[in-house]
């Protein structure tokens, strides 16, 4: 389980991972956690996942029409993107 977050039910699946309901324990902020399995992932797919995080960080700042990036980290064999 990701540090600092309580993970709830799955909301959907994509080609790279699963999106779950989440709550940040520190302040109760409702958010989502996209979990992407990175172990065993081909190099091209891993680069695309890293690129997704970088782009989300860059474009979500101050834009109310784009999902807001909160955090990311690797735990176990998964990349977690908190939005």
Protein backbone atom coordinates (compact mmCIF):
# COMPACT_ATOMS: atom_id res chain seq x y z
CA UNK A 1 0.00 0.00 0.00
CA UNK A 2 1.41 3.42 -0.93
CA UNK A 3 2.82 5.36 1.99
CA UNK A 4 0.59 8.20 3.11
CA UNK A 5 -2.43 7.11 1.07
CA UNK A 6 -5.37 4.83 1.69
CA UNK A 7 -6.30 2.99 -1.49
CA UNK A 8 -9.93 2.16 -2.24
CA UNK A 9 -11.78 0.47 -5.06
CA UNK A 10 -10.64 0.32 -8.67
CA UNK A 11 -12.16 2.92 -11.00
CA UNK A 12 -10.77 1.72 -14.30
CA UNK A 13 -8.04 -0.03 -16.24
CA UNK A 14 -5.87 1.14 -19.09
CA UNK A 15 -3.11 -0.32 -21.22
CA UNK A 16 -0.47 0.43 -18.56
CA UNK A 17 -2.22 0.21 -15.22
CA UNK A 18 -5.17 0.50 -12.90
CA UNK A 19 -6.67 3.65 -11.36
CA UNK A 20 -7.93 3.45 -7.77
CA UNK A 21 -9.82 5.80 -5.48
CA UNK A 22 -7.43 7.13 -2.84
CA UNK A 23 -7.36 9.39 0.20
CA UNK A 24 -4.28 11.22 1.43
CA UNK A 25 -3.99 10.31 5.11
CA UNK A 26 -2.37 13.60 6.15
CA UNK A 27 -5.39 15.76 5.32
CA UNK A 28 -8.17 13.54 3.93
CA UNK A 29 -7.79 14.84 0.36
CA UNK A 30 -9.77 12.67 -2.07
CA UNK A 31 -7.62 11.73 -5.05
CA UNK A 32 -6.82 8.85 -7.37
CA UNK A 33 -3.80 6.59 -7.59
CA UNK A 34 -2.74 5.24 -10.96
CA UNK A 35 -0.64 2.12 -10.42
CA UNK A 36 1.62 1.01 -13.25
CA UNK A 37 3.55 -2.26 -13.01
CA UNK A 38 7.10 -1.37 -14.04
CA UNK A 39 8.90 -4.66 -13.35
CA UNK A 40 9.15 -6.67 -16.53
CA UNK A 41 7.98 -3.71 -18.60
CA UNK A 42 9.74 -3.21 -21.94
CA UNK A 43 12.09 -0.22 -22.10
CA UNK A 44 9.84 1.72 -24.50
CA UNK A 45 6.81 1.30 -22.22
CA UNK A 46 8.84 2.31 -19.15
CA UNK A 47 10.00 5.48 -20.92
CA UNK A 48 6.38 6.29 -21.84
CA UNK A 49 5.32 5.93 -18.20
CA UNK A 50 8.14 8.23 -17.07
CA UNK A 51 7.18 10.71 -19.80
CA UNK A 52 3.55 10.67 -18.60
CA UNK A 53 4.65 11.74 -15.11
CA UNK A 54 6.88 14.53 -16.45
CA UNK A 55 4.15 15.87 -18.74
CA UNK A 56 1.47 15.71 -16.06
CA UNK A 57 3.71 17.65 -13.65
CA UNK A 58 4.31 20.31 -16.27
CA UNK A 59 0.81 20.83 -17.71
CA UNK A 60 -1.34 20.44 -14.61
CA UNK A 61 0.00 23.45 -12.74
CA UNK A 62 -2.80 25.99 -12.49
CA UNK A 63 -4.94 24.59 -15.29
CA UNK A 64 -8.42 23.76 -14.03
CA UNK A 65 -9.22 21.69 -17.15
CA UNK A 66 -6.42 19.16 -16.64
CA UNK A 67 -6.23 16.64 -13.83
CA UNK A 68 -3.94 17.95 -11.11
CA UNK A 69 -0.70 16.11 -10.41
CA UNK A 70 -0.04 15.58 -6.69
CA UNK A 71 2.79 13.07 -6.28
CA UNK A 72 4.54 10.02 -7.69
CA UNK A 73 6.72 7.29 -6.26
CA UNK A 74 7.77 3.71 -6.83
CA UNK A 75 6.82 1.15 -4.24
CA UNK A 76 7.46 -2.52 -4.80
CA UNK A 77 7.17 -3.18 -8.52
CA UNK A 78 4.70 -0.36 -9.19
CA UNK A 79 4.91 3.29 -10.16
CA UNK A 80 2.19 5.20 -8.33
CA UNK A 81 0.94 8.48 -9.78
CA UNK A 82 -1.28 10.44 -7.40
CA UNK A 83 -3.71 12.87 -9.05
